[in-house]
Amino acid sequence: MKNIIILIGVSGSGKSTLGEVLSKKLGILFIDGDDFHSLDNIEKMKKSIPLNDKDRKPWLIKLSKKIFESHKNGVVVACSALKEKYRELLVRFVPKKNILWVVLDCEIKELKKRMQKRSHFMPVDLLESQIKIFEKPKNAFYLISSLTIEEQIKKIDRELGK
C-alpha cells in the first residue's frame, strides 16, 4: 500500500496547500519541506539567489530522515524535489513501492500570480530557475493544480485505490 505521498513541483504549484488538506483527510502527518530549509538557504532565496545542489543536499538529508521516521504511519510530504537525484536522496531510506509521487503542474502565469499573493521567502524572480532545472519524473501521477483541492484529492484517492 502506498502510504508515502510526495507532492512535488515548482514554487507556487500548491504543494503545501494540498498537502495540509490531504493529510487531514487521510489522518496522517504532513511534512512541509519549506520548514526544513536552513537560515542560510532562506536568506539566499530572499536575495533572489537560486539554490544549488550543494545548498539543497543538507536540506534533503534532513527531510529524508523525517520521512523515514514517519513513513510507517503514513505521511504526506510537500517538497519541490526538482531533480531526479533529489528525489532519490529524499526517499533513500523508505520502500519505493510505498511511494506515490504526485507532480503538481501549473501554468507559469498562474504560478506567478500565486507567488505574488503569498508571504514566502521564495521570490517570484526565482521561479524561472526552478522551471529550468525541473526534471519531470516518469513514474509519477500528474495533477493540474488549477483543479480545486477537492478535485485533486478525489484524483489522488482514485490513484491510491480508495
N, C-alpha and C. Protein backbone atom coordinates (compact mmCIF):
# COMPACT_ATOMS: atom_id res chain seq x y z
N MET A 1 0.83 -1.19 0.00
CA MET A 1 0.00 0.00 0.00
C MET A 1 0.87 1.25 0.00
N LYS A 2 0.48 2.21 -0.79
CA LYS A 2 1.22 3.46 -0.87
C LYS A 2 0.80 4.36 0.30
N ASN A 3 1.71 4.50 1.26
CA ASN A 3 1.41 5.32 2.43
C ASN A 3 2.34 6.52 2.55
N ILE A 4 3.14 6.74 1.52
CA ILE A 4 4.01 7.91 1.45
C ILE A 4 3.61 8.68 0.20
N ILE A 5 3.01 9.83 0.38
CA ILE A 5 2.56 10.64 -0.75
C ILE A 5 3.45 11.86 -0.81
N ILE A 6 4.18 12.01 -1.91
CA ILE A 6 5.10 13.13 -2.03
C ILE A 6 4.63 14.04 -3.15
N LEU A 7 4.27 15.25 -2.76
CA LEU A 7 3.78 16.27 -3.69
C LEU A 7 4.97 17.10 -4.15
N ILE A 8 5.23 17.08 -5.45
CA ILE A 8 6.40 17.80 -5.96
C ILE A 8 6.00 18.80 -7.04
N GLY A 9 6.90 19.74 -7.27
CA GLY A 9 6.67 20.76 -8.28
C GLY A 9 7.35 22.06 -7.88
N VAL A 10 7.32 23.00 -8.76
CA VAL A 10 7.97 24.28 -8.51
C VAL A 10 7.19 25.09 -7.48
N SER A 11 7.81 26.14 -7.01
CA SER A 11 7.19 27.01 -6.02
C SER A 11 5.89 27.60 -6.56
N GLY A 12 4.87 27.63 -5.72
CA GLY A 12 3.59 28.19 -6.12
C GLY A 12 2.63 27.21 -6.76
N SER A 13 3.05 25.95 -6.90
CA SER A 13 2.20 24.97 -7.57
C SER A 13 1.09 24.42 -6.68
N GLY A 14 1.15 24.70 -5.38
CA GLY A 14 0.08 24.29 -4.49
C GLY A 14 0.39 23.10 -3.61
N LYS A 15 1.66 22.74 -3.49
CA LYS A 15 2.06 21.57 -2.71
C LYS A 15 1.63 21.66 -1.25
N SER A 16 1.96 22.77 -0.62
CA SER A 16 1.66 22.94 0.81
C SER A 16 0.16 22.99 1.07
N THR A 17 -0.55 23.72 0.25
CA THR A 17 -2.00 23.85 0.42
C THR A 17 -2.67 22.49 0.30
N LEU A 18 -2.35 21.76 -0.77
CA LEU A 18 -2.92 20.43 -0.97
C LEU A 18 -2.46 19.48 0.13
N GLY A 19 -1.19 19.53 0.47
CA GLY A 19 -0.63 18.63 1.48
C GLY A 19 -1.32 18.73 2.82
N GLU A 20 -1.58 19.95 3.26
CA GLU A 20 -2.26 20.16 4.55
C GLU A 20 -3.65 19.54 4.56
N VAL A 21 -4.41 19.80 3.51
CA VAL A 21 -5.79 19.29 3.43
C VAL A 21 -5.79 17.76 3.27
N LEU A 22 -4.94 17.26 2.39
CA LEU A 22 -4.87 15.82 2.13
C LEU A 22 -4.47 15.05 3.39
N SER A 23 -3.49 15.54 4.12
CA SER A 23 -3.04 14.84 5.32
C SER A 23 -4.14 14.79 6.38
N LYS A 24 -4.90 15.87 6.51
CA LYS A 24 -6.03 15.88 7.46
C LYS A 24 -7.08 14.87 7.04
N LYS A 25 -7.38 14.83 5.74
CA LYS A 25 -8.40 13.89 5.24
C LYS A 25 -7.97 12.44 5.49
N LEU A 26 -6.68 12.16 5.28
CA LEU A 26 -6.18 10.80 5.44
C LEU A 26 -5.82 10.48 6.90
N GLY A 27 -5.76 11.50 7.73
CA GLY A 27 -5.40 11.30 9.13
C GLY A 27 -3.95 10.92 9.34
N ILE A 28 -3.08 11.48 8.49
CA ILE A 28 -1.64 11.19 8.60
C ILE A 28 -0.85 12.49 8.68
N LEU A 29 0.40 12.37 9.03
CA LEU A 29 1.29 13.51 9.22
C LEU A 29 1.54 14.26 7.91
N PHE A 30 1.65 15.57 8.01
CA PHE A 30 2.06 16.40 6.87
C PHE A 30 3.43 16.99 7.17
N ILE A 31 4.34 16.84 6.23
CA ILE A 31 5.67 17.42 6.33
C ILE A 31 5.84 18.41 5.19
N ASP A 32 6.11 19.66 5.54
CA ASP A 32 6.35 20.69 4.52
C ASP A 32 7.86 20.90 4.40
N GLY A 33 8.39 20.60 3.24
CA GLY A 33 9.82 20.73 3.00
C GLY A 33 10.36 22.12 3.31
N ASP A 34 9.54 23.14 3.12
CA ASP A 34 9.97 24.51 3.39
C ASP A 34 10.39 24.70 4.85
N ASP A 35 9.81 23.92 5.75
CA ASP A 35 10.13 24.03 7.18
C ASP A 35 11.51 23.50 7.52
N PHE A 36 12.17 22.84 6.58
CA PHE A 36 13.45 22.21 6.84
C PHE A 36 14.64 22.98 6.24
N HIS A 37 14.36 24.08 5.54
CA HIS A 37 15.45 24.88 4.97
C HIS A 37 16.27 25.53 6.06
N SER A 38 17.56 25.60 5.85
CA SER A 38 18.44 26.31 6.79
C SER A 38 18.21 27.82 6.65
N LEU A 39 18.60 28.56 7.67
CA LEU A 39 18.50 30.02 7.60
C LEU A 39 19.35 30.57 6.46
N ASP A 40 20.50 29.94 6.21
CA ASP A 40 21.36 30.37 5.09
C ASP A 40 20.64 30.22 3.76
N ASN A 41 19.96 29.09 3.58
CA ASN A 41 19.21 28.87 2.33
C ASN A 41 18.08 29.88 2.18
N ILE A 42 17.38 30.13 3.27
CA ILE A 42 16.27 31.09 3.23
C ILE A 42 16.78 32.48 2.88
N GLU A 43 17.88 32.89 3.50
CA GLU A 43 18.46 34.21 3.21
C GLU A 43 18.91 34.30 1.75
N LYS A 44 19.49 33.22 1.27
CA LYS A 44 19.94 33.18 -0.13
C LYS A 44 18.75 33.38 -1.08
N MET A 45 17.66 32.66 -0.82
CA MET A 45 16.48 32.79 -1.67
C MET A 45 15.86 34.18 -1.55
N LYS A 46 15.82 34.72 -0.35
CA LYS A 46 15.28 36.08 -0.17
C LYS A 46 16.04 37.10 -1.00
N LYS A 47 17.33 36.82 -1.22
CA LYS A 47 18.18 37.72 -2.02
C LYS A 47 18.11 37.38 -3.51
N SER A 48 17.16 36.52 -3.88
CA SER A 48 16.96 36.09 -5.27
C SER A 48 18.15 35.33 -5.84
N ILE A 49 18.84 34.59 -4.98
CA ILE A 49 19.95 33.74 -5.42
C ILE A 49 19.44 32.30 -5.41
N PRO A 50 19.42 31.65 -6.59
CA PRO A 50 18.92 30.27 -6.65
C PRO A 50 19.80 29.32 -5.83
N LEU A 51 19.19 28.35 -5.22
CA LEU A 51 19.94 27.32 -4.50
C LEU A 51 20.59 26.38 -5.51
N ASN A 52 21.76 25.87 -5.14
CA ASN A 52 22.43 24.89 -5.99
C ASN A 52 22.39 23.52 -5.30
N ASP A 53 22.97 22.53 -5.94
CA ASP A 53 22.94 21.17 -5.39
C ASP A 53 23.57 21.12 -3.99
N LYS A 54 24.66 21.85 -3.81
CA LYS A 54 25.36 21.87 -2.52
C LYS A 54 24.46 22.46 -1.43
N ASP A 55 23.71 23.50 -1.76
CA ASP A 55 22.78 24.11 -0.80
C ASP A 55 21.66 23.15 -0.44
N ARG A 56 21.18 22.42 -1.41
CA ARG A 56 20.00 21.58 -1.22
C ARG A 56 20.29 20.26 -0.49
N LYS A 57 21.51 19.76 -0.63
CA LYS A 57 21.81 18.42 -0.09
C LYS A 57 21.51 18.29 1.42
N PRO A 58 22.02 19.18 2.30
CA PRO A 58 21.71 19.02 3.73
C PRO A 58 20.21 19.12 4.02
N TRP A 59 19.53 19.97 3.28
CA TRP A 59 18.09 20.13 3.42
C TRP A 59 17.37 18.83 3.07
N LEU A 60 17.75 18.22 1.96
CA LEU A 60 17.12 16.97 1.53
C LEU A 60 17.43 15.82 2.49
N ILE A 61 18.64 15.82 3.05
CA ILE A 61 19.01 14.77 4.01
C ILE A 61 18.15 14.89 5.27
N LYS A 62 17.98 16.11 5.79
CA LYS A 62 17.12 16.32 6.97
C LYS A 62 15.70 15.85 6.68
N LEU A 63 15.22 16.21 5.52
CA LEU A 63 13.86 15.84 5.12
C LEU A 63 13.73 14.32 4.96
N SER A 64 14.73 13.68 4.38
CA SER A 64 14.67 12.23 4.18
C SER A 64 14.64 11.49 5.52
N LYS A 65 15.36 12.01 6.50
CA LYS A 65 15.35 11.39 7.83
C LYS A 65 13.96 11.52 8.47
N LYS A 66 13.34 12.67 8.30
CA LYS A 66 11.99 12.88 8.85
C LYS A 66 10.98 11.96 8.16
N ILE A 67 11.12 11.79 6.85
CA ILE A 67 10.23 10.87 6.11
C ILE A 67 10.41 9.45 6.64
N PHE A 68 11.66 9.04 6.85
CA PHE A 68 11.92 7.70 7.37
C PHE A 68 11.29 7.51 8.74
N GLU A 69 11.44 8.50 9.62
CA GLU A 69 10.88 8.42 10.98
C GLU A 69 9.36 8.29 10.97
N SER A 70 8.72 8.83 9.94
CA SER A 70 7.26 8.96 9.92
C SER A 70 6.54 8.02 8.98
N HIS A 71 7.26 7.35 8.09
CA HIS A 71 6.60 6.66 6.97
C HIS A 71 5.71 5.49 7.36
N LYS A 72 5.99 4.83 8.46
CA LYS A 72 5.21 3.62 8.80
C LYS A 72 3.75 3.93 9.08
N ASN A 73 3.48 5.11 9.61
CA ASN A 73 2.09 5.51 9.90
C ASN A 73 1.47 6.30 8.76
N GLY A 74 2.21 6.50 7.70
CA GLY A 74 1.74 7.28 6.57
C GLY A 74 2.15 8.73 6.70
N VAL A 75 2.46 9.33 5.57
CA VAL A 75 2.92 10.71 5.57
C VAL A 75 2.66 11.36 4.21
N VAL A 76 2.31 12.63 4.26
CA VAL A 76 2.19 13.45 3.05
C VAL A 76 3.33 14.45 3.13
N VAL A 77 4.10 14.55 2.05
CA VAL A 77 5.26 15.44 2.02
C VAL A 77 5.11 16.43 0.88
N ALA A 78 5.39 17.70 1.16
CA ALA A 78 5.45 18.73 0.12
C ALA A 78 6.91 19.13 -0.04
N CYS A 79 7.44 18.92 -1.23
CA CYS A 79 8.85 19.24 -1.48
C CYS A 79 9.02 19.48 -2.97
N SER A 80 9.77 20.50 -3.32
CA SER A 80 9.96 20.79 -4.75
C SER A 80 10.57 19.59 -5.48
N ALA A 81 11.60 18.96 -4.90
CA ALA A 81 12.23 17.77 -5.47
C ALA A 81 12.40 17.91 -6.98
N LEU A 82 13.08 18.95 -7.38
CA LEU A 82 13.15 19.35 -8.79
C LEU A 82 13.92 18.39 -9.70
N LYS A 83 14.91 17.70 -9.14
CA LYS A 83 15.73 16.80 -9.95
C LYS A 83 15.57 15.36 -9.47
N GLU A 84 15.83 14.42 -10.38
CA GLU A 84 15.74 13.00 -10.05
C GLU A 84 16.67 12.66 -8.89
N LYS A 85 17.88 13.20 -8.89
CA LYS A 85 18.82 12.87 -7.81
C LYS A 85 18.33 13.40 -6.47
N TYR A 86 17.57 14.48 -6.46
CA TYR A 86 16.98 14.99 -5.21
C TYR A 86 15.91 14.01 -4.72
N ARG A 87 15.11 13.51 -5.66
CA ARG A 87 14.05 12.59 -5.28
C ARG A 87 14.64 11.28 -4.73
N GLU A 88 15.72 10.81 -5.35
CA GLU A 88 16.38 9.59 -4.87
C GLU A 88 16.90 9.78 -3.45
N LEU A 89 17.52 10.92 -3.19
CA LEU A 89 18.04 11.23 -1.86
C LEU A 89 16.91 11.33 -0.84
N LEU A 90 15.83 11.91 -1.24
CA LEU A 90 14.68 12.14 -0.37
C LEU A 90 14.08 10.84 0.18
N VAL A 91 14.08 9.80 -0.63
CA VAL A 91 13.41 8.54 -0.24
C VAL A 91 14.38 7.37 -0.10
N ARG A 92 15.62 7.67 0.15
CA ARG A 92 16.63 6.60 0.17
C ARG A 92 16.42 5.58 1.29
N PHE A 93 15.69 5.95 2.35
CA PHE A 93 15.53 5.05 3.50
C PHE A 93 14.17 4.36 3.56
N VAL A 94 13.31 4.59 2.59
CA VAL A 94 11.95 4.02 2.66
C VAL A 94 11.68 3.12 1.45
N PRO A 95 10.75 2.16 1.61
CA PRO A 95 10.42 1.26 0.49
C PRO A 95 9.81 2.03 -0.68
N LYS A 96 10.41 1.91 -1.83
CA LYS A 96 9.96 2.67 -3.02
C LYS A 96 8.54 2.27 -3.44
N LYS A 97 8.17 1.03 -3.17
CA LYS A 97 6.83 0.56 -3.56
C LYS A 97 5.73 1.27 -2.77
N ASN A 98 6.09 1.90 -1.67
CA ASN A 98 5.10 2.58 -0.81
C ASN A 98 4.91 4.05 -1.17
N ILE A 99 5.56 4.51 -2.23
CA ILE A 99 5.55 5.94 -2.55
C ILE A 99 4.64 6.25 -3.73
N LEU A 100 3.82 7.27 -3.55
CA LEU A 100 3.07 7.85 -4.66
C LEU A 100 3.65 9.25 -4.89
N TRP A 101 4.29 9.43 -6.03
CA TRP A 101 4.80 10.74 -6.42
C TRP A 101 3.69 11.47 -7.15
N VAL A 102 3.39 12.68 -6.70
CA VAL A 102 2.36 13.49 -7.34
C VAL A 102 2.99 14.80 -7.79
N VAL A 103 2.99 15.02 -9.10
CA VAL A 103 3.53 16.26 -9.66
C VAL A 103 2.39 17.24 -9.84
N LEU A 104 2.53 18.41 -9.22
CA LEU A 104 1.53 19.46 -9.38
C LEU A 104 1.97 20.36 -10.52
N ASP A 105 1.21 20.31 -11.59
CA ASP A 105 1.51 21.03 -12.81
C ASP A 105 0.67 22.30 -12.88
N CYS A 106 1.30 23.41 -13.18
CA CYS A 106 0.59 24.69 -13.16
C CYS A 106 1.20 25.61 -14.22
N GLU A 107 0.37 26.41 -14.86
CA GLU A 107 0.87 27.35 -15.86
C GLU A 107 1.68 28.45 -15.20
N ILE A 108 2.70 28.93 -15.90
CA ILE A 108 3.61 29.94 -15.36
C ILE A 108 2.86 31.19 -14.90
N LYS A 109 1.92 31.63 -15.69
CA LYS A 109 1.14 32.83 -15.35
C LYS A 109 0.45 32.66 -13.99
N GLU A 110 -0.14 31.49 -13.77
CA GLU A 110 -0.83 31.20 -12.51
C GLU A 110 0.17 31.07 -11.36
N LEU A 111 1.31 30.44 -11.62
CA LEU A 111 2.35 30.32 -10.60
C LEU A 111 2.78 31.69 -10.09
N LYS A 112 3.04 32.59 -11.03
CA LYS A 112 3.48 33.94 -10.67
C LYS A 112 2.41 34.67 -9.87
N LYS A 113 1.17 34.51 -10.28
CA LYS A 113 0.05 35.15 -9.58
C LYS A 113 -0.03 34.65 -8.14
N ARG A 114 0.07 33.34 -7.97
CA ARG A 114 0.02 32.75 -6.63
C ARG A 114 1.18 33.23 -5.76
N MET A 115 2.37 33.26 -6.35
CA MET A 115 3.55 33.65 -5.59
C MET A 115 3.50 35.11 -5.15
N GLN A 116 2.91 35.95 -5.97
CA GLN A 116 2.80 37.37 -5.63
C GLN A 116 1.81 37.60 -4.48
N LYS A 117 0.83 36.71 -4.34
CA LYS A 117 -0.20 36.85 -3.31
C LYS A 117 0.28 36.43 -1.92
N ARG A 118 1.26 35.55 -1.85
CA ARG A 118 1.62 34.98 -0.55
C ARG A 118 2.86 35.64 0.05
N SER A 119 3.00 35.49 1.34
CA SER A 119 4.22 35.98 2.00
C SER A 119 5.11 34.76 2.23
N HIS A 120 6.12 34.65 1.41
CA HIS A 120 7.00 33.48 1.41
C HIS A 120 8.41 33.95 1.10
N PHE A 121 9.40 33.23 1.59
CA PHE A 121 10.79 33.63 1.35
C PHE A 121 11.24 33.43 -0.09
N MET A 122 10.50 32.66 -0.86
CA MET A 122 10.86 32.39 -2.26
C MET A 122 10.27 33.48 -3.15
N PRO A 123 11.12 34.36 -3.73
CA PRO A 123 10.58 35.43 -4.58
C PRO A 123 10.20 34.93 -5.98
N VAL A 124 9.31 35.65 -6.60
CA VAL A 124 8.81 35.30 -7.94
C VAL A 124 9.95 35.21 -8.95
N ASP A 125 10.96 36.06 -8.81
CA ASP A 125 12.02 36.07 -9.82
C ASP A 125 12.90 34.82 -9.80
N LEU A 126 12.74 33.95 -8.81
CA LEU A 126 13.47 32.68 -8.81
C LEU A 126 12.70 31.55 -9.48
N LEU A 127 11.45 31.80 -9.82
CA LEU A 127 10.61 30.77 -10.43
C LEU A 127 11.24 30.19 -11.70
N GLU A 128 11.74 31.06 -12.56
CA GLU A 128 12.34 30.60 -13.82
C GLU A 128 13.49 29.63 -13.58
N SER A 129 14.29 29.89 -12.53
CA SER A 129 15.42 28.99 -12.24
C SER A 129 14.92 27.61 -11.84
N GLN A 130 13.80 27.54 -11.14
CA GLN A 130 13.23 26.24 -10.77
C GLN A 130 12.66 25.52 -11.99
N ILE A 131 11.95 26.25 -12.81
CA ILE A 131 11.36 25.66 -14.03
C ILE A 131 12.47 25.10 -14.92
N LYS A 132 13.55 25.84 -15.02
CA LYS A 132 14.67 25.45 -15.89
C LYS A 132 15.30 24.12 -15.47
N ILE A 133 15.41 23.87 -14.16
CA ILE A 133 16.08 22.64 -13.72
C ILE A 133 15.12 21.49 -13.42
N PHE A 134 13.81 21.74 -13.46
CA PHE A 134 12.86 20.69 -13.11
C PHE A 134 12.92 19.53 -14.10
N GLU A 135 13.17 18.34 -13.57
CA GLU A 135 13.20 17.11 -14.36
C GLU A 135 11.90 16.36 -14.08
N LYS A 136 11.05 16.28 -15.09
CA LYS A 136 9.75 15.62 -14.90
C LYS A 136 9.95 14.12 -14.69
N PRO A 137 9.45 13.60 -13.58
CA PRO A 137 9.59 12.17 -13.33
C PRO A 137 8.68 11.35 -14.24
N LYS A 138 9.16 10.17 -14.60
CA LYS A 138 8.39 9.30 -15.49
C LYS A 138 7.32 8.51 -14.73
N ASN A 139 7.65 8.07 -13.52
CA ASN A 139 6.71 7.22 -12.78
C ASN A 139 5.98 8.01 -11.70
N ALA A 140 5.33 9.08 -12.12
CA ALA A 140 4.59 9.92 -11.17
C ALA A 140 3.17 10.13 -11.68
N PHE A 141 2.32 10.54 -10.78
CA PHE A 141 0.94 10.88 -11.09
C PHE A 141 0.90 12.39 -11.25
N TYR A 142 0.40 12.86 -12.38
CA TYR A 142 0.38 14.30 -12.67
C TYR A 142 -1.01 14.87 -12.40
N LEU A 143 -1.02 15.99 -11.68
CA LEU A 143 -2.26 16.70 -11.37
C LEU A 143 -2.16 18.12 -11.88
N ILE A 144 -3.22 18.61 -12.45
CA ILE A 144 -3.27 20.01 -12.86
C ILE A 144 -3.68 20.79 -11.62
N SER A 145 -2.81 21.67 -11.16
CA SER A 145 -3.08 22.31 -9.88
C SER A 145 -4.10 23.44 -9.96
N SER A 146 -4.67 23.65 -11.14
CA SER A 146 -5.76 24.62 -11.24
C SER A 146 -7.10 23.98 -10.84
N LEU A 147 -7.11 22.66 -10.66
CA LEU A 147 -8.31 21.99 -10.14
C LEU A 147 -8.52 22.42 -8.69
N THR A 148 -9.73 22.29 -8.21
CA THR A 148 -9.97 22.61 -6.80
C THR A 148 -9.26 21.56 -5.94
N ILE A 149 -9.03 21.90 -4.69
CA ILE A 149 -8.40 20.96 -3.75
C ILE A 149 -9.23 19.68 -3.68
N GLU A 150 -10.55 19.82 -3.63
CA GLU A 150 -11.42 18.65 -3.55
C GLU A 150 -11.25 17.75 -4.77
N GLU A 151 -11.17 18.36 -5.96
CA GLU A 151 -10.97 17.57 -7.19
C GLU A 151 -9.61 16.88 -7.18
N GLN A 152 -8.60 17.59 -6.71
CA GLN A 152 -7.25 17.00 -6.64
C GLN A 152 -7.25 15.80 -5.69
N ILE A 153 -7.90 15.95 -4.54
CA ILE A 153 -7.95 14.87 -3.56
C ILE A 153 -8.71 13.66 -4.11
N LYS A 154 -9.80 13.89 -4.83
CA LYS A 154 -10.54 12.78 -5.46
C LYS A 154 -9.64 12.01 -6.42
N LYS A 155 -8.86 12.73 -7.21
CA LYS A 155 -7.97 12.08 -8.17
C LYS A 155 -6.87 11.29 -7.45
N ILE A 156 -6.35 11.83 -6.37
CA ILE A 156 -5.33 11.11 -5.59
C ILE A 156 -5.95 9.87 -4.95
N ASP A 157 -7.15 10.01 -4.40
CA ASP A 157 -7.86 8.86 -3.82
C ASP A 157 -8.01 7.75 -4.86
N ARG A 158 -8.40 8.13 -6.07
CA ARG A 158 -8.55 7.14 -7.15
C ARG A 158 -7.22 6.47 -7.44
N GLU A 159 -6.17 7.25 -7.48
CA GLU A 159 -4.84 6.72 -7.76
C GLU A 159 -4.39 5.76 -6.64
N LEU A 160 -4.80 6.06 -5.41
CA LEU A 160 -4.46 5.20 -4.27
C LEU A 160 -5.37 3.98 -4.19
N GLY A 161 -6.44 3.98 -5.00
CA GLY A 161 -7.38 2.87 -4.99
C GLY A 161 -8.40 2.94 -3.87
N LYS A 162 -8.68 4.16 -3.41
CA LYS A 162 -9.65 4.34 -2.31
C LYS A 162 -11.03 4.65 -2.85
